[in-house]
Amino acid sequence: MKRFLPILEWLPGYQRDWLGGDLLAGATGWAVLIPSALAYAGIVGVDPVVGLYTVPLALAAYAVFGGSRLLVVGPDAAISVLTAAMTIRVILETGPP
């Protein structure tokens, strides 16, 4: 089961002393992710609230199913998809270069 839910492996070893630093890091990350999620949603042309859905869902899913402590998950990971979508939109509206 630990293969599919890595949280079961690391959570029992979590120390309470880490909680303060982790909460501060989480609040700092949240402060950065929210504006970028709103901006990316605006770039694509969807309602900004859609950008907000990417933040908690991606972070919670990775906390449960992810296996790397060093991977960054959030709306910043979607920049390549958003860039491609905008590039295709511009090409369709203006024609190829």
PDB file of N, CA and C in Angstrom:
ATOM      1  N   MET A   1       0.829  -1.197   0.000  1.00  0.00           N
ATOM      2  CA  MET A   1       0.000   0.000   0.000  1.00  0.00           C
ATOM      3  C   MET A   1       0.873   1.260   0.000  1.00  0.00           C
ATOM      4  N   LYS A   2       2.045   1.189   0.628  1.00  0.00           N
ATOM      5  CA  LYS A   2       2.942   2.355   0.697  1.00  0.00           C
ATOM      6  C   LYS A   2       3.459   2.750  -0.682  1.00  0.00           C
ATOM      7  N   ARG A   3       3.442   1.800  -1.603  1.00  0.00           N
ATOM      8  CA  ARG A   3       3.882   2.109  -2.967  1.00  0.00           C
ATOM      9  C   ARG A   3       2.942   3.114  -3.624  1.00  0.00           C
ATOM     10  N   PHE A   4       1.646   2.995  -3.378  1.00  0.00           N
ATOM     11  CA  PHE A   4       0.658   3.871  -3.987  1.00  0.00           C
ATOM     12  C   PHE A   4       0.327   5.087  -3.129  1.00  0.00           C
ATOM     13  N   LEU A   5       0.597   5.008  -1.838  1.00  0.00           N
ATOM     14  CA  LEU A   5       0.343   6.117  -0.913  1.00  0.00           C
ATOM     15  C   LEU A   5       1.599   6.385  -0.091  1.00  0.00           C
ATOM     16  N   PRO A   6       2.587   7.076  -0.662  1.00  0.00           N
ATOM     17  CA  PRO A   6       3.838   7.334   0.055  1.00  0.00           C
ATOM     18  C   PRO A   6       3.660   8.075   1.378  1.00  0.00           C
ATOM     19  N   ILE A   7       2.539   8.758   1.560  1.00  0.00           N
ATOM     20  CA  ILE A   7       2.301   9.472   2.811  1.00  0.00           C
ATOM     21  C   ILE A   7       2.306   8.496   3.995  1.00  0.00           C
ATOM     22  N   LEU A   8       1.911   7.249   3.761  1.00  0.00           N
ATOM     23  CA  LEU A   8       1.903   6.247   4.826  1.00  0.00           C
ATOM     24  C   LEU A   8       3.311   5.897   5.290  1.00  0.00           C
ATOM     25  N   GLU A   9       4.287   6.153   4.440  1.00  0.00           N
ATOM     26  CA  GLU A   9       5.671   5.857   4.792  1.00  0.00           C
ATOM     27  C   GLU A   9       6.311   6.981   5.603  1.00  0.00           C
ATOM     28  N   TRP A  10       6.094   8.234   5.198  1.00  0.00           N
ATOM     29  CA  TRP A  10       6.805   9.331   5.868  1.00  0.00           C
ATOM     30  C   TRP A  10       6.027   9.966   7.013  1.00  0.00           C
ATOM     31  N   LEU A  11       4.707   9.888   7.012  1.00  0.00           N
ATOM     32  CA  LEU A  11       3.913  10.554   8.053  1.00  0.00           C
ATOM     33  C   LEU A  11       4.199  10.031   9.469  1.00  0.00           C
ATOM     34  N   PRO A  12       4.367   8.725   9.678  1.00  0.00           N
ATOM     35  CA  PRO A  12       4.672   8.273  11.041  1.00  0.00           C
ATOM     36  C   PRO A  12       5.995   8.825  11.586  1.00  0.00           C
ATOM     37  N   GLY A  13       6.929   9.177  10.725  1.00  0.00           N
ATOM     38  CA  GLY A  13       8.210   9.718  11.160  1.00  0.00           C
ATOM     39  C   GLY A  13       8.237  11.235  11.276  1.00  0.00           C
ATOM     40  N   TYR A  14       7.109  11.888  11.038  1.00  0.00           N
ATOM     41  CA  TYR A  14       7.042  13.350  11.102  1.00  0.00           C
ATOM     42  C   TYR A  14       7.180  13.803  12.556  1.00  0.00           C
ATOM     43  N   GLN A  15       8.001  14.828  12.775  1.00  0.00           N
ATOM     44  CA  GLN A  15       8.240  15.336  14.124  1.00  0.00           C
ATOM     45  C   GLN A  15       7.466  16.627  14.346  1.00  0.00           C
ATOM     46  N   ARG A  16       6.875  16.776  15.512  1.00  0.00           N
ATOM     47  CA  ARG A  16       6.093  17.974  15.827  1.00  0.00           C
ATOM     48  C   ARG A  16       6.932  19.242  15.784  1.00  0.00           C
ATOM     49  N   ASP A  17       8.221  19.130  16.022  1.00  0.00           N
ATOM     50  CA  ASP A  17       9.107  20.301  15.979  1.00  0.00           C
ATOM     51  C   ASP A  17       9.142  20.936  14.590  1.00  0.00           C
ATOM     52  N   TRP A  18       8.852  20.177  13.560  1.00  0.00           N
ATOM     53  CA  TRP A  18       8.885  20.677  12.184  1.00  0.00           C
ATOM     54  C   TRP A  18       7.633  21.464  11.825  1.00  0.00           C
ATOM     55  N   LEU A  19       6.568  21.353  12.611  1.00  0.00           N
ATOM     56  CA  LEU A  19       5.276  21.918  12.241  1.00  0.00           C
ATOM     57  C   LEU A  19       5.305  23.435  12.061  1.00  0.00           C
ATOM     58  N   GLY A  20       5.961  24.166  12.966  1.00  0.00           N
ATOM     59  CA  GLY A  20       6.012  25.630  12.846  1.00  0.00           C
ATOM     60  C   GLY A  20       6.673  26.078  11.547  1.00  0.00           C
ATOM     61  N   GLY A  21       7.815  25.500  11.239  1.00  0.00           N
ATOM     62  CA  GLY A  21       8.511  25.828   9.996  1.00  0.00           C
ATOM     63  C   GLY A  21       7.714  25.422   8.764  1.00  0.00           C
ATOM     64  N   ASP A  22       7.069  24.272   8.841  1.00  0.00           N
ATOM     65  CA  ASP A  22       6.259  23.810   7.711  1.00  0.00           C
ATOM     66  C   ASP A  22       5.049  24.712   7.478  1.00  0.00           C
ATOM     67  N   LEU A  23       4.425  25.175   8.564  1.00  0.00           N
ATOM     68  CA  LEU A  23       3.288  26.095   8.417  1.00  0.00           C
ATOM     69  C   LEU A  23       3.722  27.428   7.823  1.00  0.00           C
ATOM     70  N   LEU A  24       4.874  27.929   8.252  1.00  0.00           N
ATOM     71  CA  LEU A  24       5.400  29.176   7.688  1.00  0.00           C
ATOM     72  C   LEU A  24       5.736  29.001   6.205  1.00  0.00           C
ATOM     73  N   ALA A  25       6.356  27.893   5.870  1.00  0.00           N
ATOM     74  CA  ALA A  25       6.671  27.621   4.460  1.00  0.00           C
ATOM     75  C   ALA A  25       5.399  27.479   3.638  1.00  0.00           C
ATOM     76  N   GLY A  26       4.389  26.831   4.202  1.00  0.00           N
ATOM     77  CA  GLY A  26       3.123  26.683   3.499  1.00  0.00           C
ATOM     78  C   GLY A  26       2.434  28.018   3.264  1.00  0.00           C
ATOM     79  N   ALA A  27       2.450  28.888   4.267  1.00  0.00           N
ATOM     80  CA  ALA A  27       1.836  30.214   4.116  1.00  0.00           C
ATOM     81  C   ALA A  27       2.590  31.048   3.084  1.00  0.00           C
ATOM     82  N   THR A  28       3.906  30.931   3.078  1.00  0.00           N
ATOM     83  CA  THR A  28       4.713  31.656   2.096  1.00  0.00           C
ATOM     84  C   THR A  28       4.431  31.145   0.688  1.00  0.00           C
ATOM     85  N   GLY A  29       4.388  29.838   0.536  1.00  0.00           N
ATOM     86  CA  GLY A  29       4.070  29.266  -0.770  1.00  0.00           C
ATOM     87  C   GLY A  29       2.674  29.652  -1.230  1.00  0.00           C
ATOM     88  N   TRP A  30       1.729  29.654  -0.305  1.00  0.00           N
ATOM     89  CA  TRP A  30       0.348  30.038  -0.619  1.00  0.00           C
ATOM     90  C   TRP A  30       0.302  31.482  -1.126  1.00  0.00           C
ATOM     91  N   ALA A  31       1.057  32.365  -0.484  1.00  0.00           N
ATOM     92  CA  ALA A  31       1.073  33.777  -0.881  1.00  0.00           C
ATOM     93  C   ALA A  31       1.621  33.959  -2.297  1.00  0.00           C
ATOM     94  N   VAL A  32       2.490  33.086  -2.718  1.00  0.00           N
ATOM     95  CA  VAL A  32       3.046  33.167  -4.076  1.00  0.00           C
ATOM     96  C   VAL A  32       2.128  32.472  -5.081  1.00  0.00           C
ATOM     97  N   LEU A  33       1.560  31.347  -4.704  1.00  0.00           N
ATOM     98  CA  LEU A  33       0.769  30.556  -5.641  1.00  0.00           C
ATOM     99  C   LEU A  33      -0.578  31.179  -5.999  1.00  0.00           C
ATOM    100  N   ILE A  34      -1.225  31.829  -5.062  1.00  0.00           N
ATOM    101  CA  ILE A  34      -2.551  32.388  -5.331  1.00  0.00           C
ATOM    102  C   ILE A  34      -2.512  33.436  -6.445  1.00  0.00           C
ATOM    103  N   PRO A  35      -1.651  34.469  -6.356  1.00  0.00           N
ATOM    104  CA  PRO A  35      -1.627  35.442  -7.466  1.00  0.00           C
ATOM    105  C   PRO A  35      -1.238  34.825  -8.806  1.00  0.00           C
ATOM    106  N   SER A  36      -0.288  33.878  -8.787  1.00  0.00           N
ATOM    107  CA  SER A  36       0.096  33.275 -10.067  1.00  0.00           C
ATOM    108  C   SER A  36      -1.027  32.398 -10.615  1.00  0.00           C
ATOM    109  N   ALA A  37      -1.768  31.719  -9.753  1.00  0.00           N
ATOM    110  CA  ALA A  37      -2.903  30.915 -10.223  1.00  0.00           C
ATOM    111  C   ALA A  37      -3.969  31.805 -10.850  1.00  0.00           C
ATOM    112  N   LEU A  38      -4.235  32.936 -10.231  1.00  0.00           N
ATOM    113  CA  LEU A  38      -5.214  33.878 -10.790  1.00  0.00           C
ATOM    114  C   LEU A  38      -4.731  34.442 -12.125  1.00  0.00           C
ATOM    115  N   ALA A  39      -3.450  34.765 -12.192  1.00  0.00           N
ATOM    116  CA  ALA A  39      -2.890  35.327 -13.423  1.00  0.00           C
ATOM    117  C   ALA A  39      -2.926  34.319 -14.561  1.00  0.00           C
ATOM    118  N   TYR A  40      -2.546  33.080 -14.291  1.00  0.00           N
ATOM    119  CA  TYR A  40      -2.549  32.068 -15.334  1.00  0.00           C
ATOM    120  C   TYR A  40      -3.959  31.800 -15.844  1.00  0.00           C
ATOM    121  N   ALA A  41      -4.927  31.807 -14.952  1.00  0.00           N
ATOM    122  CA  ALA A  41      -6.313  31.618 -15.388  1.00  0.00           C
ATOM    123  C   ALA A  41      -6.743  32.774 -16.292  1.00  0.00           C
ATOM    124  N   GLY A  42      -6.340  33.989 -15.953  1.00  0.00           N
ATOM    125  CA  GLY A  42      -6.660  35.140 -16.788  1.00  0.00           C
ATOM    126  C   GLY A  42      -5.993  35.073 -18.144  1.00  0.00           C
ATOM    127  N   ILE A  43      -4.761  34.561 -18.190  1.00  0.00           N
ATOM    128  CA  ILE A  43      -4.043  34.431 -19.457  1.00  0.00           C
ATOM    129  C   ILE A  43      -4.783  33.483 -20.394  1.00  0.00           C
ATOM    130  N   VAL A  44      -5.280  32.398 -19.851  1.00  0.00           N
ATOM    131  CA  VAL A  44      -5.978  31.404 -20.660  1.00  0.00           C
ATOM    132  C   VAL A  44      -7.361  31.887 -21.063  1.00  0.00           C
ATOM    133  N   GLY A  45      -7.918  32.802 -20.284  1.00  0.00           N
ATOM    134  CA  GLY A  45      -9.232  33.333 -20.616  1.00  0.00           C
ATOM    135  C   GLY A  45     -10.377  32.648 -19.894  1.00  0.00           C
ATOM    136  N   VAL A  46     -10.069  31.967 -18.791  1.00  0.00           N
ATOM    137  CA  VAL A  46     -11.130  31.341 -18.000  1.00  0.00           C
ATOM    138  C   VAL A  46     -11.368  32.169 -16.743  1.00  0.00           C
ATOM    139  N   ASP A  47     -12.430  31.865 -16.040  1.00  0.00           N
ATOM    140  CA  ASP A  47     -12.763  32.552 -14.810  1.00  0.00           C
ATOM    141  C   ASP A  47     -11.606  32.383 -13.810  1.00  0.00           C
ATOM    142  N   PRO A  48     -11.168  33.442 -13.150  1.00  0.00           N
ATOM    143  CA  PRO A  48     -10.047  33.331 -12.205  1.00  0.00           C
ATOM    144  C   PRO A  48     -10.239  32.295 -11.107  1.00  0.00           C
ATOM    145  N   VAL A  49     -11.467  32.015 -10.745  1.00  0.00           N
ATOM    146  CA  VAL A  49     -11.683  31.014  -9.699  1.00  0.00           C
ATOM    147  C   VAL A  49     -11.195  29.630 -10.144  1.00  0.00           C
ATOM    148  N   VAL A  50     -11.164  29.386 -11.436  1.00  0.00           N
ATOM    149  CA  VAL A  50     -10.640  28.121 -11.948  1.00  0.00           C
ATOM    150  C   VAL A  50      -9.158  27.995 -11.586  1.00  0.00           C
ATOM    151  N   GLY A  51      -8.442  29.104 -11.630  1.00  0.00           N
ATOM    152  CA  GLY A  51      -7.039  29.091 -11.220  1.00  0.00           C
ATOM    153  C   GLY A  51      -6.870  28.729  -9.758  1.00  0.00           C
ATOM    154  N   LEU A  52      -7.810  29.149  -8.942  1.00  0.00           N
ATOM    155  CA  LEU A  52      -7.735  28.820  -7.514  1.00  0.00           C
ATOM    156  C   LEU A  52      -7.939  27.330  -7.256  1.00  0.00           C
ATOM    157  N   TYR A  53      -8.691  26.662  -8.118  1.00  0.00           N
ATOM    158  CA  TYR A  53      -8.895  25.221  -7.948  1.00  0.00           C
ATOM    159  C   TYR A  53      -7.589  24.448  -8.118  1.00  0.00           C
ATOM    160  N   THR A  54      -6.674  24.971  -8.918  1.00  0.00           N
ATOM    161  CA  THR A  54      -5.433  24.238  -9.157  1.00  0.00           C
ATOM    162  C   THR A  54      -4.547  24.172  -7.924  1.00  0.00           C
ATOM    163  N   VAL A  55      -4.620  25.164  -7.067  1.00  0.00           N
ATOM    164  CA  VAL A  55      -3.696  25.219  -5.933  1.00  0.00           C
ATOM    165  C   VAL A  55      -3.975  24.129  -4.899  1.00  0.00           C
ATOM    166  N   PRO A  56      -5.123  24.115  -4.236  1.00  0.00           N
ATOM    167  CA  PRO A  56      -5.285  23.109  -3.184  1.00  0.00           C
ATOM    168  C   PRO A  56      -5.387  21.683  -3.712  1.00  0.00           C
ATOM    169  N   LEU A  57      -5.994  21.499  -4.880  1.00  0.00           N
ATOM    170  CA  LEU A  57      -6.142  20.140  -5.403  1.00  0.00           C
ATOM    171  C   LEU A  57      -4.787  19.524  -5.746  1.00  0.00           C
ATOM    172  N   ALA A  58      -3.947  20.283  -6.423  1.00  0.00           N
ATOM    173  CA  ALA A  58      -2.633  19.757  -6.793  1.00  0.00           C
ATOM    174  C   ALA A  58      -1.775  19.495  -5.560  1.00  0.00           C
ATOM    175  N   LEU A  59      -1.789  20.414  -4.613  1.00  0.00           N
ATOM    176  CA  LEU A  59      -0.964  20.250  -3.415  1.00  0.00           C
ATOM    177  C   LEU A  59      -1.439  19.082  -2.559  1.00  0.00           C
ATOM    178  N   ALA A  60      -2.736  18.960  -2.365  1.00  0.00           N
ATOM    179  CA  ALA A  60      -3.260  17.855  -1.554  1.00  0.00           C
ATOM    180  C   ALA A  60      -3.019  16.509  -2.227  1.00  0.00           C
ATOM    181  N   ALA A  61      -3.240  16.446  -3.533  1.00  0.00           N
ATOM    182  CA  ALA A  61      -3.024  15.191  -4.251  1.00  0.00           C
ATOM    183  C   ALA A  61      -1.558  14.782  -4.180  1.00  0.00           C
ATOM    184  N   TYR A  62      -0.651  15.722  -4.329  1.00  0.00           N
ATOM    185  CA  TYR A  62       0.751  15.350  -4.272  1.00  0.00           C
ATOM    186  C   TYR A  62       1.176  14.963  -2.864  1.00  0.00           C
ATOM    187  N   ALA A  63       0.612  15.596  -1.840  1.00  0.00           N
ATOM    188  CA  ALA A  63       0.954  15.223  -0.467  1.00  0.00           C
ATOM    189  C   ALA A  63       0.588  13.765  -0.194  1.00  0.00           C
ATOM    190  N   VAL A  64      -0.497  13.290  -0.780  1.00  0.00           N
ATOM    191  CA  VAL A  64      -0.946  11.922  -0.549  1.00  0.00           C
ATOM    192  C   VAL A  64      -0.260  10.932  -1.484  1.00  0.00           C
ATOM    193  N   PHE A  65      -0.169  11.265  -2.772  1.00  0.00           N
ATOM    194  CA  PHE A  65       0.301  10.311  -3.770  1.00  0.00           C
ATOM    195  C   PHE A  65       1.740  10.521  -4.229  1.00  0.00           C
ATOM    196  N   GLY A  66       2.343  11.671  -3.935  1.00  0.00           N
ATOM    197  CA  GLY A  66       3.682  11.975  -4.427  1.00  0.00           C
ATOM    198  C   GLY A  66       4.767  11.314  -3.610  1.00  0.00           C
ATOM    199  N   GLY A  67       5.886  11.045  -4.262  1.00  0.00           N
ATOM    200  CA  GLY A  67       6.971  10.359  -3.585  1.00  0.00           C
ATOM    201  C   GLY A  67       8.229  11.173  -3.394  1.00  0.00           C
ATOM    202  N   SER A  68       8.314  12.348  -3.991  1.00  0.00           N
ATOM    203  CA  SER A  68       9.523  13.151  -3.898  1.00  0.00           C
ATOM    204  C   SER A  68       9.322  14.321  -2.945  1.00  0.00           C
ATOM    205  N   ARG A  69      10.294  14.560  -2.071  1.00  0.00           N
ATOM    206  CA  ARG A  69      10.228  15.701  -1.165  1.00  0.00           C
ATOM    207  C   ARG A  69      10.667  16.983  -1.861  1.00  0.00           C
ATOM    208  N   LEU A  70      11.253  16.890  -3.039  1.00  0.00           N
ATOM    209  CA  LEU A  70      11.839  18.043  -3.706  1.00  0.00           C
ATOM    210  C   LEU A  70      11.023  18.557  -4.889  1.00  0.00           C
ATOM    211  N   LEU A  71       9.950  17.884  -5.255  1.00  0.00           N
ATOM    212  CA  LEU A  71       9.153  18.292  -6.405  1.00  0.00           C
ATOM    213  C   LEU A  71       8.241  19.453  -6.051  1.00  0.00           C
ATOM    214  N   VAL A  72       8.140  20.420  -6.944  1.00  0.00           N
ATOM    215  CA  VAL A  72       7.257  21.564  -6.736  1.00  0.00           C
ATOM    216  C   VAL A  72       5.979  21.325  -7.513  1.00  0.00           C
ATOM    217  N   VAL A  73       4.851  21.437  -6.834  1.00  0.00           N
ATOM    218  CA  VAL A  73       3.559  21.195  -7.462  1.00  0.00           C
ATOM    219  C   VAL A  73       2.697  22.427  -7.279  1.00  0.00           C
ATOM    220  N   GLY A  74       2.040  22.860  -8.333  1.00  0.00           N
ATOM    221  CA  GLY A  74       1.156  24.010  -8.253  1.00  0.00           C
ATOM    222  C   GLY A  74       0.910  24.589  -9.625  1.00  0.00           C
ATOM    223  N   PRO A  75       0.313  25.761  -9.683  1.00  0.00           N
ATOM    224  CA  PRO A  75      -0.016  26.331 -10.985  1.00  0.00           C
ATOM    225  C   PRO A  75       1.216  26.706 -11.796  1.00  0.00           C
ATOM    226  N   ASP A  76       2.371  26.870 -11.153  1.00  0.00           N
ATOM    227  CA  ASP A  76       3.578  27.181 -11.913  1.00  0.00           C
ATOM    228  C   ASP A  76       3.979  26.032 -12.823  1.00  0.00           C
ATOM    229  N   ALA A  77       3.636  24.816 -12.439  1.00  0.00           N
ATOM    230  CA  ALA A  77       3.961  23.660 -13.263  1.00  0.00           C
ATOM    231  C   ALA A  77       3.156  23.650 -14.555  1.00  0.00           C
ATOM    232  N   ALA A  78       2.085  24.407 -14.596  1.00  0.00           N
ATOM    233  CA  ALA A  78       1.221  24.419 -15.773  1.00  0.00           C
ATOM    234  C   ALA A  78       1.610  25.496 -16.779  1.00  0.00           C
ATOM    235  N   ILE A  79       2.694  26.216 -16.550  1.00  0.00           N
ATOM    236  CA  ILE A  79       3.053  27.342 -17.424  1.00  0.00           C
ATOM    237  C   ILE A  79       3.287  26.889 -18.861  1.00  0.00           C
ATOM    238  N   SER A  80       3.856  25.711 -19.062  1.00  0.00           N
ATOM    239  CA  SER A  80       4.098  25.260 -20.435  1.00  0.00           C
ATOM    240  C   SER A  80       2.781  24.998 -21.166  1.00  0.00           C
ATOM    241  N   VAL A  81       1.799  24.452 -20.478  1.00  0.00           N
ATOM    242  CA  VAL A  81       0.496  24.207 -21.099  1.00  0.00           C
ATOM    243  C   VAL A  81      -0.185  25.533 -21.431  1.00  0.00           C
ATOM    244  N   LEU A  82      -0.113  26.481 -20.529  1.00  0.00           N
ATOM    245  CA  LEU A  82      -0.735  27.780 -20.772  1.00  0.00           C
ATOM    246  C   LEU A  82      -0.042  28.530 -21.906  1.00  0.00           C
ATOM    247  N   THR A  83       1.275  28.443 -21.956  1.00  0.00           N
ATOM    248  CA  THR A  83       2.017  29.092 -23.034  1.00  0.00           C
ATOM    249  C   THR A  83       1.642  28.485 -24.379  1.00  0.00           C
ATOM    250  N   ALA A  84       1.536  27.182 -24.431  1.00  0.00           N
ATOM    251  CA  ALA A  84       1.144  26.524 -25.678  1.00  0.00           C
ATOM    252  C   ALA A  84      -0.262  26.929 -26.087  1.00  0.00           C
ATOM    253  N   ALA A  85      -1.168  27.003 -25.126  1.00  0.00           N
ATOM    254  CA  ALA A  85      -2.550  27.389 -25.445  1.00  0.00           C
ATOM    255  C   ALA A  85      -2.607  28.802 -26.000  1.00  0.00           C
ATOM    256  N   MET A  86      -1.869  29.716 -25.416  1.00  0.00           N
ATOM    257  CA  MET A  86      -1.866  31.096 -25.903  1.00  0.00           C
ATOM    258  C   MET A  86      -1.196  31.200 -27.267  1.00  0.00           C
ATOM    259  N   THR A  87      -0.127  30.450 -27.469  1.00  0.00           N
ATOM    260  CA  THR A  87       0.558  30.481 -28.759  1.00  0.00           C
ATOM    261  C   THR A  87      -0.363  29.981 -29.866  1.00  0.00           C
ATOM    262  N   ILE A  88      -1.057  28.897 -29.613  1.00  0.00           N
ATOM    263  CA  ILE A  88      -2.003  28.362 -30.600  1.00  0.00           C
ATOM    264  C   ILE A  88      -3.111  29.369 -30.872  1.00  0.00           C
ATOM    265  N   ARG A  89      -3.591  30.010 -29.835  1.00  0.00           N
ATOM    266  CA  ARG A  89      -4.667  31.014 -30.005  1.00  0.00           C
ATOM    267  C   ARG A  89      -4.193  32.172 -30.872  1.00  0.00           C
ATOM    268  N   VAL A  90      -2.995  32.660 -30.616  1.00  0.00           N
ATOM    269  CA  VAL A  90      -2.454  33.785 -31.404  1.00  0.00           C
ATOM    270  C   VAL A  90      -2.255  33.354 -32.852  1.00  0.00           C
ATOM    271  N   ILE A  91      -1.734  32.172 -33.069  1.00  0.00           N
ATOM    272  CA  ILE A  91      -1.500  31.686 -34.435  1.00  0.00           C
ATOM    273  C   ILE A  91      -2.828  31.538 -35.175  1.00  0.00           C
ATOM    274  N   LEU A  92      -3.844  31.034 -34.507  1.00  0.00           N
ATOM    275  CA  LEU A  92      -5.138  30.868 -35.171  1.00  0.00           C
ATOM    276  C   LEU A  92      -5.774  32.202 -35.517  1.00  0.00           C
ATOM    277  N   GLU A  93      -5.570  33.203 -34.668  1.00  0.00           N
ATOM    278  CA  GLU A  93      -6.172  34.514 -34.923  1.00  0.00           C
ATOM    279  C   GLU A  93      -5.386  35.352 -35.934  1.00  0.00           C
ATOM    280  N   THR A  94      -4.082  35.234 -35.935  1.00  0.00           N
ATOM    281  CA  THR A  94      -3.272  36.094 -36.798  1.00  0.00           C
ATOM    282  C   THR A  94      -2.637  35.349 -37.972  1.00  0.00           C
ATOM    283  N   GLY A  95      -2.617  34.060 -37.913  1.00  0.00           N
ATOM    284  CA  GLY A  95      -1.975  33.281 -38.972  1.00  0.00           C
ATOM    285  C   GLY A  95      -0.544  33.004 -38.594  1.00  0.00           C
ATOM    286  N   PRO A  96       0.063  31.984 -39.243  1.00  0.00           N
ATOM    287  CA  PRO A  96       1.457  31.619 -38.919  1.00  0.00           C
ATOM    288  C   PRO A  96       2.409  32.751 -39.309  1.00  0.00           C
ATOM    289  N   PRO A  97       3.576  32.788 -38.638  1.00  0.00           N
ATOM    290  CA  PRO A  97       4.557  33.861 -38.932  1.00  0.00           C
ATOM    291  C   PRO A  97       5.128  33.776 -40.324  1.00  0.00           C
TER     292      PRO A  97
END
